[in-house]
Amino acid sequence: LTRQILGIPFKRHVRPMLGYLLPSEIDAILEATGSHWTGRRDHLLFLLLYNTGARVSEIISLRVRDLVNSSHKQVQILGKGRKRRTIPLWKRTSTEVRDWIKANKLSPEDPLLPNRWRDALTRSGVSKQMKKAVARASSHCSSLKGEIVSPHIFRHSTAMHMLESGVALEVIALWLGHESPTTTHGYVEANLQMKKQA
């Protein structure tokens, strides 16, 4: 019976192409966060999503202790299957993280990106804040008008921009915490320019 069940062919379906943001669109979203407390937190949130290529669940579960050393140049992410990976932070991200921790007097056990009640942000909270930022950014960046931008698209954008910069697929797979490099091949499929060159 088990063999018969396993022998049932998978239903054929069309796999959607991966969407991603252009660097100019990401910059527009980052600039639209504002200078108040929530805006500064959202700026760091979106910057971390882009820098690390992490899943939303991985970013909102970050604690201050997950920053590898006092210089805040690396972050340790707990991914799928309880697997840890260490991602280097850009100088810009590292500086912003350090300033954020200092300004908010966060202890090692505190969530790195808290809400107003100092609890960790939720996925719905992140989506809500991103929706607001995209709406503000679309007034300066016309390509964002009418676009549905989810936090996960930042992950696709990170991978795509690394690929366009010549980073090997195996490295991108490790960076994103992909179980199989096959998952990463979807980014090559989505990049028309790379296919033209091939």
N, C-alpha and C. Protein backbone atom coordinates (compact mmCIF):
# COMPACT_ATOMS: atom_id res chain seq x y z
N LEU A 1 0.84 -1.21 0.00
CA LEU A 1 0.00 0.00 0.00
C LEU A 1 0.88 1.27 0.00
N THR A 2 1.94 1.24 0.81
CA THR A 2 2.85 2.39 0.87
C THR A 2 3.50 2.64 -0.49
N ARG A 3 3.93 1.54 -1.16
CA ARG A 3 4.55 1.66 -2.48
C ARG A 3 3.57 2.26 -3.49
N GLN A 4 2.32 1.84 -3.39
CA GLN A 4 1.30 2.36 -4.31
C GLN A 4 1.08 3.86 -4.09
N ILE A 5 1.06 4.25 -2.81
CA ILE A 5 0.87 5.67 -2.47
C ILE A 5 2.05 6.50 -3.00
N LEU A 6 3.29 5.99 -2.76
CA LEU A 6 4.49 6.70 -3.22
C LEU A 6 4.57 6.73 -4.75
N GLY A 7 3.90 5.80 -5.39
CA GLY A 7 3.90 5.74 -6.85
C GLY A 7 2.96 6.73 -7.51
N ILE A 8 2.10 7.38 -6.72
CA ILE A 8 1.17 8.37 -7.28
C ILE A 8 1.98 9.58 -7.74
N PRO A 9 1.90 9.96 -9.02
CA PRO A 9 2.70 11.11 -9.50
C PRO A 9 2.22 12.42 -8.90
N PHE A 10 3.17 13.35 -8.71
CA PHE A 10 2.83 14.66 -8.19
C PHE A 10 2.01 15.44 -9.22
N LYS A 11 1.09 16.24 -8.72
CA LYS A 11 0.28 17.06 -9.60
C LYS A 11 1.18 18.09 -10.28
N ARG A 12 1.02 18.23 -11.59
CA ARG A 12 1.82 19.22 -12.32
C ARG A 12 1.28 20.62 -12.00
N HIS A 13 2.20 21.53 -11.77
CA HIS A 13 1.79 22.91 -11.49
C HIS A 13 2.86 23.86 -12.01
N VAL A 14 2.44 25.08 -12.25
CA VAL A 14 3.36 26.11 -12.74
C VAL A 14 4.03 26.75 -11.54
N ARG A 15 5.38 26.70 -11.52
CA ARG A 15 6.12 27.33 -10.43
C ARG A 15 6.27 28.81 -10.72
N PRO A 16 5.84 29.68 -9.80
CA PRO A 16 5.97 31.12 -10.08
C PRO A 16 7.43 31.56 -10.08
N MET A 17 7.72 32.57 -10.89
CA MET A 17 9.08 33.13 -10.92
C MET A 17 9.31 33.92 -9.63
N LEU A 18 10.54 33.91 -9.17
CA LEU A 18 10.87 34.63 -7.94
C LEU A 18 10.88 36.14 -8.20
N GLY A 19 10.19 36.87 -7.35
CA GLY A 19 10.21 38.34 -7.45
C GLY A 19 11.32 38.90 -6.58
N TYR A 20 11.84 40.05 -6.96
CA TYR A 20 12.87 40.70 -6.14
C TYR A 20 12.84 42.20 -6.38
N LEU A 21 13.46 42.93 -5.46
CA LEU A 21 13.50 44.39 -5.54
C LEU A 21 14.84 44.85 -6.12
N LEU A 22 14.81 45.98 -6.79
CA LEU A 22 16.04 46.60 -7.28
C LEU A 22 16.71 47.34 -6.11
N PRO A 23 18.04 47.53 -6.15
CA PRO A 23 18.70 48.28 -5.06
C PRO A 23 18.08 49.65 -4.82
N SER A 24 17.65 50.33 -5.88
CA SER A 24 17.03 51.66 -5.73
C SER A 24 15.71 51.57 -4.97
N GLU A 25 14.96 50.48 -5.18
CA GLU A 25 13.68 50.28 -4.48
C GLU A 25 13.92 49.99 -3.00
N ILE A 26 14.95 49.21 -2.70
CA ILE A 26 15.29 48.92 -1.30
C ILE A 26 15.71 50.20 -0.60
N ASP A 27 16.54 51.02 -1.26
CA ASP A 27 16.96 52.31 -0.69
C ASP A 27 15.77 53.21 -0.41
N ALA A 28 14.80 53.22 -1.33
CA ALA A 28 13.59 54.05 -1.16
C ALA A 28 12.80 53.60 0.06
N ILE A 29 12.68 52.29 0.27
CA ILE A 29 11.94 51.75 1.42
C ILE A 29 12.68 52.10 2.71
N LEU A 30 14.00 51.96 2.71
CA LEU A 30 14.80 52.28 3.90
C LEU A 30 14.69 53.76 4.26
N GLU A 31 14.68 54.62 3.25
CA GLU A 31 14.58 56.07 3.49
C GLU A 31 13.19 56.48 3.97
N ALA A 32 12.18 55.65 3.70
CA ALA A 32 10.79 55.99 4.05
C ALA A 32 10.41 55.59 5.47
N THR A 33 11.37 55.07 6.25
CA THR A 33 11.02 54.58 7.60
C THR A 33 10.83 55.70 8.62
N GLY A 34 11.50 56.82 8.46
CA GLY A 34 11.34 57.93 9.41
C GLY A 34 12.40 57.94 10.49
N SER A 35 12.44 59.04 11.27
CA SER A 35 13.49 59.23 12.28
C SER A 35 13.01 59.01 13.71
N HIS A 36 11.72 58.75 13.91
CA HIS A 36 11.20 58.48 15.27
C HIS A 36 11.62 57.07 15.69
N TRP A 37 11.29 56.67 16.93
CA TRP A 37 11.75 55.38 17.48
C TRP A 37 11.34 54.21 16.60
N THR A 38 10.05 54.16 16.22
CA THR A 38 9.56 53.06 15.37
C THR A 38 10.25 53.06 14.02
N GLY A 39 10.46 54.25 13.47
CA GLY A 39 11.13 54.38 12.18
C GLY A 39 12.56 53.88 12.22
N ARG A 40 13.28 54.21 13.30
CA ARG A 40 14.67 53.76 13.44
C ARG A 40 14.72 52.23 13.59
N ARG A 41 13.76 51.69 14.35
CA ARG A 41 13.70 50.23 14.51
C ARG A 41 13.40 49.56 13.17
N ASP A 42 12.43 50.12 12.43
CA ASP A 42 12.06 49.54 11.13
C ASP A 42 13.22 49.64 10.13
N HIS A 43 13.96 50.73 10.19
CA HIS A 43 15.12 50.90 9.31
C HIS A 43 16.12 49.77 9.56
N LEU A 44 16.40 49.52 10.85
CA LEU A 44 17.33 48.45 11.21
C LEU A 44 16.77 47.08 10.82
N LEU A 45 15.47 46.90 11.03
CA LEU A 45 14.81 45.64 10.67
C LEU A 45 14.96 45.34 9.18
N PHE A 46 14.62 46.32 8.33
CA PHE A 46 14.70 46.11 6.88
C PHE A 46 16.14 45.95 6.41
N LEU A 47 17.05 46.71 7.05
CA LEU A 47 18.47 46.63 6.70
C LEU A 47 19.02 45.23 7.04
N LEU A 48 18.62 44.70 8.20
CA LEU A 48 19.05 43.35 8.59
C LEU A 48 18.47 42.28 7.66
N LEU A 49 17.21 42.47 7.27
CA LEU A 49 16.59 41.52 6.33
C LEU A 49 17.38 41.48 5.03
N TYR A 50 17.79 42.65 4.56
CA TYR A 50 18.52 42.74 3.29
C TYR A 50 19.96 42.26 3.43
N ASN A 51 20.64 42.69 4.49
CA ASN A 51 22.04 42.32 4.72
C ASN A 51 22.19 40.80 4.90
N THR A 52 21.33 40.20 5.71
CA THR A 52 21.49 38.79 6.05
C THR A 52 20.77 37.84 5.09
N GLY A 53 19.71 38.34 4.43
CA GLY A 53 18.90 37.45 3.59
C GLY A 53 18.13 36.44 4.43
N ALA A 54 17.97 36.75 5.71
CA ALA A 54 17.31 35.82 6.65
C ALA A 54 15.80 35.83 6.45
N ARG A 55 15.18 34.75 6.89
CA ARG A 55 13.72 34.66 6.91
C ARG A 55 13.20 35.60 8.00
N VAL A 56 11.98 36.06 7.86
CA VAL A 56 11.39 36.99 8.84
C VAL A 56 11.42 36.37 10.24
N SER A 57 11.05 35.10 10.33
CA SER A 57 11.01 34.42 11.64
C SER A 57 12.40 34.40 12.29
N GLU A 58 13.46 34.29 11.46
CA GLU A 58 14.83 34.26 11.98
C GLU A 58 15.23 35.63 12.52
N ILE A 59 14.79 36.69 11.85
CA ILE A 59 15.16 38.06 12.27
C ILE A 59 14.42 38.47 13.53
N ILE A 60 13.11 38.19 13.59
CA ILE A 60 12.35 38.64 14.77
C ILE A 60 12.68 37.84 16.03
N SER A 61 13.31 36.67 15.86
CA SER A 61 13.69 35.88 17.04
C SER A 61 15.09 36.24 17.55
N LEU A 62 15.77 37.17 16.87
CA LEU A 62 17.12 37.56 17.29
C LEU A 62 17.11 38.23 18.67
N ARG A 63 18.06 37.84 19.49
CA ARG A 63 18.29 38.48 20.78
C ARG A 63 19.63 39.21 20.67
N VAL A 64 19.87 40.14 21.57
CA VAL A 64 21.12 40.92 21.55
C VAL A 64 22.32 39.96 21.65
N ARG A 65 22.17 38.88 22.43
CA ARG A 65 23.26 37.91 22.61
C ARG A 65 23.67 37.21 21.30
N ASP A 66 22.79 37.27 20.27
CA ASP A 66 23.09 36.61 19.00
C ASP A 66 24.11 37.37 18.16
N LEU A 67 24.45 38.58 18.59
CA LEU A 67 25.52 39.31 17.92
C LEU A 67 26.82 38.75 18.47
N VAL A 68 27.65 38.21 17.58
CA VAL A 68 28.77 37.35 17.96
C VAL A 68 29.78 37.98 18.91
N ASN A 69 30.13 39.24 18.73
CA ASN A 69 31.09 39.87 19.63
C ASN A 69 30.72 41.32 19.89
N SER A 70 31.49 41.99 20.72
CA SER A 70 31.17 43.36 21.12
C SER A 70 31.23 44.36 19.96
N SER A 71 31.94 44.01 18.89
CA SER A 71 32.04 44.92 17.74
C SER A 71 30.81 44.82 16.83
N HIS A 72 29.96 43.81 17.07
CA HIS A 72 28.71 43.61 16.32
C HIS A 72 28.94 43.51 14.81
N LYS A 73 29.97 42.77 14.42
CA LYS A 73 30.27 42.62 12.99
C LYS A 73 29.70 41.33 12.41
N GLN A 74 29.12 40.48 13.27
CA GLN A 74 28.53 39.22 12.82
C GLN A 74 27.28 38.94 13.63
N VAL A 75 26.37 38.20 13.03
CA VAL A 75 25.16 37.80 13.74
C VAL A 75 24.96 36.30 13.53
N GLN A 76 24.56 35.63 14.61
CA GLN A 76 24.31 34.19 14.54
C GLN A 76 22.80 33.98 14.41
N ILE A 77 22.42 33.28 13.33
CA ILE A 77 21.00 33.08 13.03
C ILE A 77 20.64 31.62 13.23
N LEU A 78 19.54 31.40 13.93
CA LEU A 78 19.02 30.05 14.12
C LEU A 78 17.98 29.80 13.04
N GLY A 79 18.32 28.92 12.09
CA GLY A 79 17.45 28.69 10.94
C GLY A 79 16.59 27.46 11.06
N LYS A 80 16.09 26.99 9.92
CA LYS A 80 15.25 25.80 9.88
C LYS A 80 16.04 24.59 10.37
N GLY A 81 15.36 23.68 11.05
CA GLY A 81 16.02 22.48 11.56
C GLY A 81 16.98 22.78 12.69
N ARG A 82 16.78 23.93 13.37
CA ARG A 82 17.61 24.35 14.51
C ARG A 82 19.09 24.48 14.11
N LYS A 83 19.35 24.77 12.83
CA LYS A 83 20.73 24.92 12.36
C LYS A 83 21.16 26.37 12.49
N ARG A 84 22.36 26.56 13.06
CA ARG A 84 22.89 27.91 13.23
C ARG A 84 23.83 28.26 12.08
N ARG A 85 23.77 29.52 11.66
CA ARG A 85 24.73 30.02 10.68
C ARG A 85 25.14 31.43 11.09
N THR A 86 26.39 31.77 10.82
CA THR A 86 26.90 33.09 11.17
C THR A 86 27.04 33.92 9.91
N ILE A 87 26.45 35.11 9.94
CA ILE A 87 26.45 36.00 8.78
C ILE A 87 27.22 37.28 9.14
N PRO A 88 28.17 37.69 8.28
CA PRO A 88 28.86 38.96 8.54
C PRO A 88 27.94 40.14 8.26
N LEU A 89 28.09 41.20 9.03
CA LEU A 89 27.28 42.40 8.84
C LEU A 89 28.12 43.46 8.13
N TRP A 90 27.46 44.22 7.25
CA TRP A 90 28.14 45.34 6.61
C TRP A 90 28.48 46.37 7.68
N LYS A 91 29.43 47.22 7.36
CA LYS A 91 29.85 48.26 8.32
C LYS A 91 28.65 49.14 8.70
N ARG A 92 27.85 49.48 7.72
CA ARG A 92 26.66 50.32 7.93
C ARG A 92 25.69 49.65 8.91
N THR A 93 25.44 48.35 8.70
CA THR A 93 24.52 47.59 9.56
C THR A 93 25.09 47.47 10.96
N SER A 94 26.38 47.15 11.04
CA SER A 94 27.06 46.98 12.32
C SER A 94 26.98 48.24 13.17
N THR A 95 27.22 49.40 12.54
CA THR A 95 27.15 50.69 13.25
C THR A 95 25.74 50.96 13.75
N GLU A 96 24.76 50.68 12.89
CA GLU A 96 23.37 50.93 13.26
C GLU A 96 22.91 50.02 14.41
N VAL A 97 23.36 48.76 14.38
CA VAL A 97 23.03 47.81 15.45
C VAL A 97 23.62 48.29 16.77
N ARG A 98 24.89 48.70 16.74
CA ARG A 98 25.57 49.15 17.96
C ARG A 98 24.89 50.39 18.54
N ASP A 99 24.54 51.35 17.68
CA ASP A 99 23.86 52.58 18.13
C ASP A 99 22.48 52.26 18.71
N TRP A 100 21.78 51.31 18.08
CA TRP A 100 20.43 50.93 18.52
C TRP A 100 20.47 50.29 19.91
N ILE A 101 21.41 49.38 20.12
CA ILE A 101 21.53 48.70 21.42
C ILE A 101 21.87 49.70 22.52
N LYS A 102 22.80 50.60 22.20
CA LYS A 102 23.23 51.61 23.18
C LYS A 102 22.10 52.58 23.51
N ALA A 103 21.40 53.08 22.49
CA ALA A 103 20.32 54.05 22.70
C ALA A 103 19.16 53.47 23.50
N ASN A 104 18.91 52.16 23.34
CA ASN A 104 17.78 51.53 24.02
C ASN A 104 18.16 50.75 25.27
N LYS A 105 19.47 50.79 25.61
CA LYS A 105 20.00 50.11 26.80
C LYS A 105 19.54 48.64 26.85
N LEU A 106 19.73 47.94 25.74
CA LEU A 106 19.28 46.56 25.65
C LEU A 106 20.27 45.62 26.32
N SER A 107 19.75 44.64 27.06
CA SER A 107 20.59 43.63 27.70
C SER A 107 20.71 42.42 26.77
N PRO A 108 21.67 41.50 27.04
CA PRO A 108 21.87 40.35 26.14
C PRO A 108 20.62 39.51 25.87
N GLU A 109 19.72 39.42 26.84
CA GLU A 109 18.52 38.58 26.67
C GLU A 109 17.35 39.30 26.00
N ASP A 110 17.48 40.59 25.80
CA ASP A 110 16.39 41.37 25.18
C ASP A 110 16.28 41.06 23.69
N PRO A 111 15.03 41.14 23.16
CA PRO A 111 14.88 41.02 21.70
C PRO A 111 15.62 42.19 21.04
N LEU A 112 16.31 41.92 19.95
CA LEU A 112 17.05 42.98 19.26
C LEU A 112 16.09 43.99 18.64
N LEU A 113 14.94 43.51 18.16
CA LEU A 113 13.95 44.38 17.50
C LEU A 113 12.62 44.29 18.24
N PRO A 114 12.49 44.99 19.35
CA PRO A 114 11.26 44.88 20.15
C PRO A 114 10.13 45.77 19.62
N ASN A 115 8.92 45.46 20.11
CA ASN A 115 7.79 46.36 19.85
C ASN A 115 7.77 47.40 20.97
N ARG A 116 6.71 48.19 21.05
CA ARG A 116 6.65 49.25 22.07
C ARG A 116 6.63 48.71 23.49
N TRP A 117 6.19 47.46 23.65
CA TRP A 117 6.10 46.85 24.98
C TRP A 117 7.34 46.00 25.29
N ARG A 118 8.36 46.17 24.45
CA ARG A 118 9.66 45.49 24.61
C ARG A 118 9.59 43.98 24.42
N ASP A 119 8.52 43.52 23.79
CA ASP A 119 8.42 42.11 23.38
C ASP A 119 8.94 42.01 21.95
N ALA A 120 9.25 40.78 21.52
CA ALA A 120 9.73 40.59 20.14
C ALA A 120 8.62 40.93 19.15
N LEU A 121 8.99 41.48 18.01
CA LEU A 121 8.03 41.77 16.95
C LEU A 121 7.40 40.47 16.44
N THR A 122 6.21 40.58 15.88
CA THR A 122 5.55 39.42 15.28
C THR A 122 5.66 39.54 13.76
N ARG A 123 5.38 38.43 13.05
CA ARG A 123 5.42 38.45 11.58
C ARG A 123 4.40 39.45 11.03
N SER A 124 3.21 39.46 11.65
CA SER A 124 2.17 40.38 11.18
C SER A 124 2.58 41.83 11.43
N GLY A 125 3.28 42.07 12.55
CA GLY A 125 3.78 43.41 12.86
C GLY A 125 4.80 43.88 11.83
N VAL A 126 5.68 42.98 11.41
CA VAL A 126 6.69 43.30 10.39
C VAL A 126 6.00 43.62 9.06
N SER A 127 5.03 42.78 8.68
CA SER A 127 4.30 42.99 7.41
C SER A 127 3.58 44.33 7.41
N LYS A 128 2.98 44.68 8.56
CA LYS A 128 2.24 45.94 8.68
C LYS A 128 3.18 47.13 8.52
N GLN A 129 4.35 47.07 9.17
CA GLN A 129 5.31 48.17 9.10
C GLN A 129 5.89 48.29 7.70
N MET A 130 6.10 47.15 7.04
CA MET A 130 6.65 47.19 5.69
C MET A 130 5.64 47.79 4.72
N LYS A 131 4.38 47.44 4.90
CA LYS A 131 3.31 47.97 4.04
C LYS A 131 3.28 49.50 4.12
N LYS A 132 3.41 50.03 5.35
CA LYS A 132 3.41 51.48 5.55
C LYS A 132 4.62 52.12 4.87
N ALA A 133 5.80 51.52 5.06
CA ALA A 133 7.02 52.07 4.48
C ALA A 133 6.97 52.06 2.95
N VAL A 134 6.45 50.97 2.38
CA VAL A 134 6.34 50.87 0.92
C VAL A 134 5.38 51.92 0.37
N ALA A 135 4.27 52.14 1.08
CA ALA A 135 3.29 53.16 0.66
C ALA A 135 3.93 54.54 0.63
N ARG A 136 4.76 54.85 1.65
CA ARG A 136 5.46 56.15 1.69
C ARG A 136 6.53 56.22 0.61
N ALA A 137 7.25 55.11 0.41
CA ALA A 137 8.34 55.08 -0.57
C ALA A 137 7.84 55.20 -2.00
N SER A 138 6.63 54.71 -2.26
CA SER A 138 6.09 54.72 -3.64
C SER A 138 5.86 56.13 -4.17
N SER A 139 5.77 57.13 -3.27
CA SER A 139 5.59 58.51 -3.73
C SER A 139 6.89 59.05 -4.35
N HIS A 140 8.04 58.47 -3.97
CA HIS A 140 9.34 58.89 -4.52
C HIS A 140 9.87 57.88 -5.55
N CYS A 141 9.41 56.63 -5.43
CA CYS A 141 9.91 55.57 -6.31
C CYS A 141 8.71 54.97 -7.06
N SER A 142 8.51 55.41 -8.29
CA SER A 142 7.31 55.04 -9.05
C SER A 142 7.19 53.54 -9.31
N SER A 143 8.32 52.82 -9.36
CA SER A 143 8.27 51.38 -9.64
C SER A 143 7.64 50.59 -8.49
N LEU A 144 7.52 51.21 -7.31
CA LEU A 144 6.90 50.54 -6.16
C LEU A 144 5.39 50.72 -6.12
N LYS A 145 4.86 51.62 -6.93
CA LYS A 145 3.42 51.89 -6.92
C LYS A 145 2.63 50.66 -7.34
N GLY A 146 1.69 50.27 -6.50
CA GLY A 146 0.84 49.12 -6.78
C GLY A 146 1.50 47.78 -6.54
N GLU A 147 2.77 47.80 -6.10
CA GLU A 147 3.48 46.54 -5.85
C GLU A 147 3.17 46.02 -4.45
N ILE A 148 3.02 44.70 -4.34
CA ILE A 148 2.85 44.07 -3.03
C ILE A 148 4.23 43.58 -2.61
N VAL A 149 4.79 44.23 -1.59
CA VAL A 149 6.13 43.90 -1.13
C VAL A 149 6.04 43.21 0.23
N SER A 150 6.43 41.95 0.25
CA SER A 150 6.41 41.19 1.51
C SER A 150 7.82 41.19 2.10
N PRO A 151 7.96 40.94 3.40
CA PRO A 151 9.31 40.87 3.98
C PRO A 151 10.17 39.80 3.31
N HIS A 152 9.55 38.73 2.81
CA HIS A 152 10.31 37.63 2.21
C HIS A 152 10.99 38.04 0.90
N ILE A 153 10.45 39.09 0.26
CA ILE A 153 11.04 39.54 -1.01
C ILE A 153 12.44 40.13 -0.78
N PHE A 154 12.72 40.58 0.46
CA PHE A 154 14.06 41.08 0.78
C PHE A 154 15.06 39.93 0.69
N ARG A 155 14.63 38.73 1.09
CA ARG A 155 15.47 37.53 1.03
C ARG A 155 15.83 37.21 -0.43
N HIS A 156 14.81 37.26 -1.29
CA HIS A 156 15.03 37.02 -2.71
C HIS A 156 15.97 38.09 -3.29
N SER A 157 15.78 39.33 -2.85
CA SER A 157 16.60 40.44 -3.36
C SER A 157 18.06 40.26 -2.98
N THR A 158 18.31 39.85 -1.74
CA THR A 158 19.68 39.60 -1.27
C THR A 158 20.35 38.56 -2.16
N ALA A 159 19.65 37.44 -2.38
CA ALA A 159 20.20 36.36 -3.19
C ALA A 159 20.46 36.82 -4.62
N MET A 160 19.51 37.55 -5.18
CA MET A 160 19.64 38.00 -6.57
C MET A 160 20.80 38.98 -6.73
N HIS A 161 20.95 39.91 -5.79
CA HIS A 161 22.03 40.89 -5.88
C HIS A 161 23.40 40.24 -5.67
N MET A 162 23.46 39.21 -4.82
CA MET A 162 24.71 38.47 -4.65
C MET A 162 25.06 37.73 -5.94
N LEU A 163 24.06 37.14 -6.55
CA LEU A 163 24.24 36.39 -7.81
C LEU A 163 24.74 37.32 -8.91
N GLU A 164 24.12 38.50 -9.00
CA GLU A 164 24.51 39.49 -10.01
C GLU A 164 25.92 40.02 -9.78
N SER A 165 26.38 39.96 -8.52
CA SER A 165 27.73 40.42 -8.18
C SER A 165 28.79 39.35 -8.42
N GLY A 166 28.33 38.16 -8.85
CA GLY A 166 29.28 37.08 -9.16
C GLY A 166 29.56 36.13 -8.04
N VAL A 167 28.75 36.16 -6.96
CA VAL A 167 28.94 35.23 -5.84
C VAL A 167 28.46 33.84 -6.29
N ALA A 168 29.22 32.81 -5.94
CA ALA A 168 28.90 31.44 -6.34
C ALA A 168 27.60 30.97 -5.69
N LEU A 169 26.86 30.14 -6.41
CA LEU A 169 25.58 29.61 -5.92
C LEU A 169 25.73 28.88 -4.59
N GLU A 170 26.84 28.15 -4.43
CA GLU A 170 27.06 27.38 -3.19
C GLU A 170 27.19 28.31 -1.99
N VAL A 171 27.85 29.46 -2.20
CA VAL A 171 28.03 30.44 -1.13
C VAL A 171 26.68 31.07 -0.78
N ILE A 172 25.89 31.39 -1.81
CA ILE A 172 24.55 31.97 -1.58
C ILE A 172 23.68 30.98 -0.81
N ALA A 173 23.77 29.70 -1.17
CA ALA A 173 22.99 28.66 -0.47
C ALA A 173 23.36 28.61 1.01
N LEU A 174 24.66 28.71 1.31
CA LEU A 174 25.12 28.71 2.72
C LEU A 174 24.65 29.97 3.43
N TRP A 175 24.75 31.11 2.74
CA TRP A 175 24.35 32.41 3.31
C TRP A 175 22.88 32.41 3.69
N LEU A 176 22.04 31.86 2.81
CA LEU A 176 20.59 31.85 3.06
C LEU A 176 20.13 30.68 3.92
N GLY A 177 21.03 29.72 4.15
CA GLY A 177 20.66 28.56 4.95
C GLY A 177 19.79 27.58 4.19
N HIS A 178 20.01 27.48 2.86
CA HIS A 178 19.25 26.52 2.05
C HIS A 178 19.75 25.11 2.34
N GLU A 179 18.82 24.20 2.48
CA GLU A 179 19.15 22.79 2.71
C GLU A 179 19.81 22.19 1.47
N SER A 180 19.29 22.59 0.30
CA SER A 180 19.79 22.06 -0.96
C SER A 180 20.12 23.21 -1.92
N PRO A 181 21.24 23.12 -2.65
CA PRO A 181 21.58 24.16 -3.63
C PRO A 181 20.55 24.27 -4.75
N THR A 182 19.73 23.23 -4.91
CA THR A 182 18.69 23.24 -5.94
C THR A 182 17.73 24.42 -5.73
N THR A 183 17.46 24.73 -4.46
CA THR A 183 16.59 25.86 -4.12
C THR A 183 17.16 27.16 -4.68
N THR A 184 18.49 27.29 -4.60
CA THR A 184 19.17 28.51 -5.03
C THR A 184 19.14 28.67 -6.55
N HIS A 185 18.97 27.58 -7.28
CA HIS A 185 18.95 27.64 -8.74
C HIS A 185 17.79 28.47 -9.27
N GLY A 186 16.75 28.62 -8.46
CA GLY A 186 15.59 29.43 -8.85
C GLY A 186 15.97 30.87 -9.13
N TYR A 187 17.03 31.36 -8.48
CA TYR A 187 17.46 32.75 -8.69
C TYR A 187 18.10 32.92 -10.06
N VAL A 188 18.82 31.91 -10.52
CA VAL A 188 19.40 31.96 -11.87
C VAL A 188 18.28 31.98 -12.89
N GLU A 189 17.24 31.18 -12.64
CA GLU A 189 16.08 31.09 -13.54
C GLU A 189 15.39 32.44 -13.66
N ALA A 190 15.36 33.20 -12.54
CA ALA A 190 14.66 34.49 -12.51
C ALA A 190 15.48 35.62 -13.12
N ASN A 191 16.79 35.40 -13.29
CA ASN A 191 17.67 36.46 -13.78
C ASN A 191 17.83 36.36 -15.29
N LEU A 192 17.08 37.16 -16.02
CA LEU A 192 17.07 37.13 -17.48
C LEU A 192 18.42 37.52 -18.06
N GLN A 193 19.09 38.50 -17.45
CA GLN A 193 20.38 38.98 -17.96
C GLN A 193 21.44 37.86 -17.94
N MET A 194 21.44 37.07 -16.86
CA MET A 194 22.41 35.98 -16.74
C MET A 194 22.12 34.91 -17.81
N LYS A 195 20.83 34.68 -18.10
CA LYS A 195 20.47 33.69 -19.12
C LYS A 195 20.90 34.19 -20.51
N LYS A 196 20.79 35.49 -20.74
CA LYS A 196 21.22 36.07 -22.02
C LYS A 196 22.73 35.88 -22.20
N GLN A 197 23.48 36.13 -21.14
CA GLN A 197 24.94 35.98 -21.20
C GLN A 197 25.32 34.53 -21.46
N ALA A 198 24.59 33.60 -20.84
CA ALA A 198 24.85 32.16 -21.04
C ALA A 198 24.57 31.77 -22.49
